[in-house]
Amino acid sequence: MSKNVKYLDYTIRSTPLPLLQNGEWKPEIVIAWERDGTVTALPFWDNTAYLTEEAADNHGIKLAQDIIDGKAPGLSVN
């Protein structure tokens, strides 16, 4: 399951990755935005494992929103 979510002036693309050794899922996201005709896209991921793809997807989107809002320590789109 891959989701694209618009948040403020950004597009969040969440594509959870399966961890084949144990059937769990890891969030992986790309945050993209356009400024002055230039598109920038930055990848982010979290090493936390989730039991379902949906849980990893939801966490990834929330993480991206926190990054955009400046609430994720050490992670930034700036």
N, C-alpha and C. Protein backbone atom coordinates (compact mmCIF):
# COMPACT_ATOMS: atom_id res chain seq x y z
N MET A 1 0.85 -1.16 0.00
CA MET A 1 0.00 0.00 0.00
C MET A 1 0.90 1.23 0.00
N SER A 2 0.72 2.07 -0.94
CA SER A 2 1.46 3.31 -1.03
C SER A 2 0.46 4.44 -1.01
N LYS A 3 0.73 5.47 -0.21
CA LYS A 3 -0.20 6.59 -0.09
C LYS A 3 0.52 7.89 -0.40
N ASN A 4 -0.20 8.80 -1.07
CA ASN A 4 0.24 10.17 -1.23
C ASN A 4 -0.72 11.05 -0.45
N VAL A 5 -0.17 11.91 0.40
CA VAL A 5 -0.97 12.78 1.24
C VAL A 5 -0.47 14.20 1.07
N LYS A 6 -1.39 15.14 0.84
CA LYS A 6 -1.03 16.55 0.80
C LYS A 6 -1.10 17.08 2.23
N TYR A 7 -0.05 17.82 2.63
CA TYR A 7 -0.01 18.41 3.97
C TYR A 7 0.67 19.77 3.84
N LEU A 8 -0.08 20.81 4.13
CA LEU A 8 0.40 22.19 3.93
C LEU A 8 0.84 22.32 2.47
N ASP A 9 2.06 22.76 2.22
CA ASP A 9 2.55 22.91 0.84
C ASP A 9 3.41 21.72 0.41
N TYR A 10 3.24 20.59 1.05
CA TYR A 10 4.10 19.43 0.83
C TYR A 10 3.27 18.24 0.36
N THR A 11 3.92 17.31 -0.33
CA THR A 11 3.33 16.02 -0.65
C THR A 11 4.13 14.96 0.10
N ILE A 12 3.43 14.14 0.84
CA ILE A 12 4.05 13.04 1.59
C ILE A 12 3.73 11.75 0.84
N ARG A 13 4.76 11.00 0.47
CA ARG A 13 4.57 9.69 -0.16
C ARG A 13 5.06 8.64 0.83
N SER A 14 4.14 7.81 1.28
CA SER A 14 4.47 6.76 2.25
C SER A 14 4.45 5.41 1.53
N THR A 15 5.55 4.69 1.64
CA THR A 15 5.66 3.36 1.04
C THR A 15 6.31 2.42 2.07
N PRO A 16 5.52 1.81 2.95
CA PRO A 16 6.10 0.91 3.95
C PRO A 16 6.86 -0.25 3.30
N LEU A 17 7.95 -0.62 3.94
CA LEU A 17 8.78 -1.73 3.44
C LEU A 17 8.61 -2.96 4.32
N PRO A 18 8.38 -4.12 3.70
CA PRO A 18 8.26 -5.34 4.49
C PRO A 18 9.63 -5.80 4.99
N LEU A 19 9.65 -6.25 6.23
CA LEU A 19 10.86 -6.86 6.79
C LEU A 19 10.67 -8.37 6.65
N LEU A 20 11.29 -8.94 5.64
CA LEU A 20 11.00 -10.32 5.27
C LEU A 20 11.34 -11.33 6.35
N GLN A 21 12.30 -11.01 7.21
CA GLN A 21 12.71 -11.99 8.21
C GLN A 21 11.65 -12.23 9.28
N ASN A 22 10.74 -11.25 9.50
CA ASN A 22 9.77 -11.45 10.58
C ASN A 22 8.34 -11.02 10.23
N GLY A 23 8.10 -10.61 8.99
CA GLY A 23 6.76 -10.24 8.58
C GLY A 23 6.29 -8.88 9.05
N GLU A 24 7.16 -8.11 9.67
CA GLU A 24 6.79 -6.78 10.12
C GLU A 24 7.06 -5.76 9.02
N TRP A 25 6.73 -4.50 9.29
CA TRP A 25 6.84 -3.43 8.30
C TRP A 25 7.58 -2.24 8.87
N LYS A 26 8.33 -1.56 8.02
CA LYS A 26 9.11 -0.38 8.41
C LYS A 26 8.62 0.82 7.61
N PRO A 27 8.34 1.97 8.27
CA PRO A 27 7.91 3.16 7.54
C PRO A 27 9.03 3.71 6.66
N GLU A 28 8.67 4.11 5.46
CA GLU A 28 9.59 4.84 4.59
C GLU A 28 8.77 5.91 3.88
N ILE A 29 9.25 7.15 3.94
CA ILE A 29 8.50 8.27 3.38
C ILE A 29 9.40 9.15 2.53
N VAL A 30 8.76 9.88 1.63
CA VAL A 30 9.43 10.92 0.86
C VAL A 30 8.57 12.17 1.02
N ILE A 31 9.21 13.27 1.38
CA ILE A 31 8.52 14.55 1.47
C ILE A 31 8.98 15.40 0.29
N ALA A 32 8.02 15.88 -0.50
CA ALA A 32 8.34 16.67 -1.69
C ALA A 32 7.62 18.01 -1.63
N TRP A 33 8.27 19.02 -2.22
CA TRP A 33 7.67 20.36 -2.31
C TRP A 33 8.26 21.10 -3.48
N GLU A 34 7.55 22.13 -3.91
CA GLU A 34 8.00 22.94 -5.02
C GLU A 34 8.15 24.38 -4.56
N ARG A 35 9.30 24.98 -4.90
CA ARG A 35 9.56 26.39 -4.61
C ARG A 35 10.20 27.02 -5.84
N ASP A 36 9.62 28.08 -6.32
CA ASP A 36 10.17 28.81 -7.46
C ASP A 36 10.43 27.90 -8.66
N GLY A 37 9.53 26.95 -8.90
CA GLY A 37 9.64 26.08 -10.05
C GLY A 37 10.57 24.88 -9.88
N THR A 38 11.20 24.77 -8.71
CA THR A 38 12.11 23.66 -8.44
C THR A 38 11.45 22.69 -7.45
N VAL A 39 11.39 21.42 -7.83
CA VAL A 39 10.83 20.39 -6.95
C VAL A 39 11.97 19.74 -6.17
N THR A 40 11.77 19.64 -4.88
CA THR A 40 12.73 18.97 -4.00
C THR A 40 12.02 17.80 -3.33
N ALA A 41 12.69 16.67 -3.23
CA ALA A 41 12.12 15.49 -2.56
C ALA A 41 13.20 14.90 -1.65
N LEU A 42 12.85 14.70 -0.40
CA LEU A 42 13.79 14.13 0.56
C LEU A 42 13.22 12.85 1.17
N PRO A 43 14.03 11.78 1.20
CA PRO A 43 13.57 10.53 1.82
C PRO A 43 13.84 10.54 3.33
N PHE A 44 12.96 9.90 4.05
CA PHE A 44 13.12 9.70 5.50
C PHE A 44 12.62 8.29 5.80
N TRP A 45 13.10 7.70 6.87
CA TRP A 45 12.63 6.39 7.28
C TRP A 45 12.78 6.29 8.79
N ASP A 46 12.12 5.30 9.32
CA ASP A 46 12.13 5.04 10.75
C ASP A 46 12.42 3.55 10.92
N ASN A 47 13.32 3.22 11.80
CA ASN A 47 13.68 1.81 11.98
C ASN A 47 12.75 1.06 12.91
N THR A 48 11.70 1.72 13.40
CA THR A 48 10.72 1.04 14.23
C THR A 48 9.94 0.06 13.36
N ALA A 49 9.74 -1.14 13.86
CA ALA A 49 8.99 -2.17 13.12
C ALA A 49 7.55 -2.19 13.61
N TYR A 50 6.63 -2.37 12.68
CA TYR A 50 5.20 -2.44 12.99
C TYR A 50 4.63 -3.75 12.50
N LEU A 51 3.60 -4.23 13.19
CA LEU A 51 3.04 -5.53 12.85
C LEU A 51 2.29 -5.53 11.53
N THR A 52 1.75 -4.37 11.14
CA THR A 52 0.98 -4.32 9.90
C THR A 52 1.50 -3.21 8.99
N GLU A 53 1.22 -3.37 7.72
CA GLU A 53 1.58 -2.36 6.73
C GLU A 53 0.84 -1.06 7.02
N GLU A 54 -0.43 -1.17 7.40
CA GLU A 54 -1.23 0.02 7.69
C GLU A 54 -0.65 0.81 8.87
N ALA A 55 -0.22 0.12 9.91
CA ALA A 55 0.37 0.81 11.07
C ALA A 55 1.65 1.54 10.67
N ALA A 56 2.48 0.90 9.85
CA ALA A 56 3.72 1.53 9.38
C ALA A 56 3.40 2.74 8.50
N ASP A 57 2.38 2.61 7.68
CA ASP A 57 1.94 3.69 6.80
C ASP A 57 1.48 4.89 7.63
N ASN A 58 0.62 4.63 8.61
CA ASN A 58 0.09 5.70 9.46
C ASN A 58 1.21 6.39 10.24
N HIS A 59 2.13 5.61 10.77
CA HIS A 59 3.25 6.19 11.51
C HIS A 59 4.13 7.03 10.59
N GLY A 60 4.38 6.54 9.39
CA GLY A 60 5.21 7.28 8.44
C GLY A 60 4.60 8.63 8.09
N ILE A 61 3.30 8.65 7.88
CA ILE A 61 2.62 9.91 7.55
C ILE A 61 2.68 10.86 8.73
N LYS A 62 2.46 10.36 9.92
CA LYS A 62 2.54 11.21 11.13
C LYS A 62 3.97 11.73 11.31
N LEU A 63 4.95 10.88 11.09
CA LEU A 63 6.35 11.31 11.19
C LEU A 63 6.63 12.43 10.19
N ALA A 64 6.16 12.28 8.96
CA ALA A 64 6.37 13.31 7.94
C ALA A 64 5.74 14.64 8.37
N GLN A 65 4.54 14.57 8.92
CA GLN A 65 3.88 15.80 9.39
C GLN A 65 4.69 16.45 10.52
N ASP A 66 5.21 15.64 11.41
CA ASP A 66 6.05 16.17 12.49
C ASP A 66 7.34 16.79 11.95
N ILE A 67 7.93 16.18 10.94
CA ILE A 67 9.14 16.74 10.31
C ILE A 67 8.81 18.10 9.70
N ILE A 68 7.73 18.16 8.95
CA ILE A 68 7.32 19.42 8.32
C ILE A 68 7.05 20.50 9.37
N ASP A 69 6.42 20.11 10.47
CA ASP A 69 6.07 21.06 11.53
C ASP A 69 7.24 21.40 12.44
N GLY A 70 8.41 20.77 12.20
CA GLY A 70 9.57 21.03 13.05
C GLY A 70 9.51 20.37 14.41
N LYS A 71 8.73 19.30 14.52
CA LYS A 71 8.55 18.60 15.81
C LYS A 71 9.32 17.30 15.90
N ALA A 72 10.14 16.99 14.91
CA ALA A 72 10.90 15.73 14.90
C ALA A 72 12.37 16.08 15.14
N PRO A 73 12.87 15.85 16.34
CA PRO A 73 14.26 16.22 16.66
C PRO A 73 15.26 15.62 15.67
N GLY A 74 16.09 16.49 15.12
CA GLY A 74 17.16 16.05 14.22
C GLY A 74 16.72 15.84 12.78
N LEU A 75 15.44 15.99 12.48
CA LEU A 75 14.95 15.80 11.12
C LEU A 75 14.28 17.08 10.65
N SER A 76 14.54 17.46 9.39
CA SER A 76 14.03 18.72 8.89
C SER A 76 13.95 18.72 7.37
N VAL A 77 13.03 19.50 6.83
CA VAL A 77 12.97 19.70 5.38
C VAL A 77 13.71 20.97 4.99
N ASN A 78 14.30 21.66 5.94
CA ASN A 78 15.05 22.90 5.66
C ASN A 78 16.52 22.63 5.49
